[in-house]
């Protein structure tokens, strides 16, 4: 089974965007990188995805197949 990449974008400059990420049972979140306006570097999370996107931000979620 192949690794997957999920890209999320919030183009709204004034409002955060909450979301719920539901994955098939055979995938898990490896890393999530998120950026928002003014960041010099991405925020890195290990093993979980963010629950919302800040105003005018983006996230990339790296998925791995479960062992």
C-alpha atoms as a PDB file:
ATOM      1  CA  UNK A   1       0.000   0.000   0.000  1.00  0.00           C
ATOM      2  CA  UNK A   2       1.381   3.447  -0.928  1.00  0.00           C
ATOM      3  CA  UNK A   3       1.991   6.469   1.265  1.00  0.00           C
ATOM      4  CA  UNK A   4      -0.425   9.366   0.743  1.00  0.00           C
ATOM      5  CA  UNK A   5      -0.230  13.148   1.055  1.00  0.00           C
ATOM      6  CA  UNK A   6      -3.216  15.313   1.969  1.00  0.00           C
ATOM      7  CA  UNK A   7      -3.097  19.101   1.426  1.00  0.00           C
ATOM      8  CA  UNK A   8      -5.525  21.432   3.236  1.00  0.00           C
ATOM      9  CA  UNK A   9      -5.850  25.182   2.589  1.00  0.00           C
ATOM     10  CA  UNK A  10      -7.816  27.925   4.359  1.00  0.00           C
ATOM     11  CA  UNK A  11      -7.952  30.992   2.091  1.00  0.00           C
ATOM     12  CA  UNK A  12     -10.126  32.999   4.491  1.00  0.00           C
ATOM     13  CA  UNK A  13      -7.938  35.787   5.935  1.00  0.00           C
ATOM     14  CA  UNK A  14     -10.225  36.371   8.950  1.00  0.00           C
ATOM     15  CA  UNK A  15     -11.663  33.031  10.156  1.00  0.00           C
ATOM     16  CA  UNK A  16     -10.184  29.745  11.336  1.00  0.00           C
ATOM     17  CA  UNK A  17     -11.598  26.634   9.663  1.00  0.00           C
ATOM     18  CA  UNK A  18     -12.236  23.594  11.886  1.00  0.00           C
ATOM     19  CA  UNK A  19     -12.347  20.155  10.291  1.00  0.00           C
ATOM     20  CA  UNK A  20     -12.428  16.493  11.232  1.00  0.00           C
ATOM     21  CA  UNK A  21     -10.056  14.149   9.455  1.00  0.00           C
ATOM     22  CA  UNK A  22     -11.402  10.599   9.169  1.00  0.00           C
ATOM     23  CA  UNK A  23      -8.996   8.038   7.753  1.00  0.00           C
ATOM     24  CA  UNK A  24      -9.587   4.495   6.565  1.00  0.00           C
ATOM     25  CA  UNK A  25      -8.450   1.973   9.168  1.00  0.00           C
ATOM     26  CA  UNK A  26      -5.428   0.987   7.117  1.00  0.00           C
ATOM     27  CA  UNK A  27      -3.805   4.479   7.229  1.00  0.00           C
ATOM     28  CA  UNK A  28      -2.336   6.596  10.020  1.00  0.00           C
ATOM     29  CA  UNK A  29      -0.928  10.126  10.251  1.00  0.00           C
ATOM     30  CA  UNK A  30       2.862  10.131  10.187  1.00  0.00           C
ATOM     31  CA  UNK A  31       3.515  13.907  10.258  1.00  0.00           C
ATOM     32  CA  UNK A  32       1.578  17.104   9.697  1.00  0.00           C
ATOM     33  CA  UNK A  33       3.206  20.364   8.668  1.00  0.00           C
ATOM     34  CA  UNK A  34       1.241  23.605   8.912  1.00  0.00           C
ATOM     35  CA  UNK A  35       1.971  27.213   8.016  1.00  0.00           C
ATOM     36  CA  UNK A  36       0.086  30.433   8.530  1.00  0.00           C
ATOM     37  CA  UNK A  37       0.665  33.990   7.381  1.00  0.00           C
ATOM     38  CA  UNK A  38       3.857  35.319   8.946  1.00  0.00           C
ATOM     39  CA  UNK A  39       5.442  31.959   9.827  1.00  0.00           C
ATOM     40  CA  UNK A  40       9.138  31.658   9.074  1.00  0.00           C
ATOM     41  CA  UNK A  41       9.019  27.857   9.216  1.00  0.00           C
ATOM     42  CA  UNK A  42       6.276  25.210   9.362  1.00  0.00           C
ATOM     43  CA  UNK A  43       4.922  23.795  12.600  1.00  0.00           C
ATOM     44  CA  UNK A  44       5.513  20.037  12.655  1.00  0.00           C
ATOM     45  CA  UNK A  45       3.245  17.566  14.441  1.00  0.00           C
ATOM     46  CA  UNK A  46       4.041  13.879  14.799  1.00  0.00           C
ATOM     47  CA  UNK A  47       1.255  11.303  14.756  1.00  0.00           C
ATOM     48  CA  UNK A  48      -1.742  13.634  14.591  1.00  0.00           C
ATOM     49  CA  UNK A  49      -3.309  16.157  12.241  1.00  0.00           C
ATOM     50  CA  UNK A  50      -4.456  19.623  13.321  1.00  0.00           C
ATOM     51  CA  UNK A  51      -8.146  20.000  14.176  1.00  0.00           C
ATOM     52  CA  UNK A  52      -8.442  23.399  12.530  1.00  0.00           C
ATOM     53  CA  UNK A  53      -6.617  25.699  10.160  1.00  0.00           C
ATOM     54  CA  UNK A  54      -5.729  29.244  11.222  1.00  0.00           C
ATOM     55  CA  UNK A  55      -6.882  32.111   9.000  1.00  0.00           C
ATOM     56  CA  UNK A  56      -5.004  32.152   5.683  1.00  0.00           C
ATOM     57  CA  UNK A  57      -3.024  28.978   6.331  1.00  0.00           C
ATOM     58  CA  UNK A  58      -2.221  25.571   4.909  1.00  0.00           C
ATOM     59  CA  UNK A  59      -1.338  22.098   6.157  1.00  0.00           C
ATOM     60  CA  UNK A  60       0.202  19.034   4.566  1.00  0.00           C
ATOM     61  CA  UNK A  61      -0.604  15.706   6.220  1.00  0.00           C
ATOM     62  CA  UNK A  62       1.622  12.713   5.445  1.00  0.00           C
ATOM     63  CA  UNK A  63      -0.164   9.355   5.728  1.00  0.00           C
ATOM     64  CA  UNK A  64       1.466   5.949   6.094  1.00  0.00           C
ATOM     65  CA  UNK A  65      -0.139   2.547   5.738  1.00  0.00           C
ATOM     66  CA  UNK A  66      -0.563   0.779   9.083  1.00  0.00           C
ATOM     67  CA  UNK A  67       1.772  -2.130   9.702  1.00  0.00           C
END
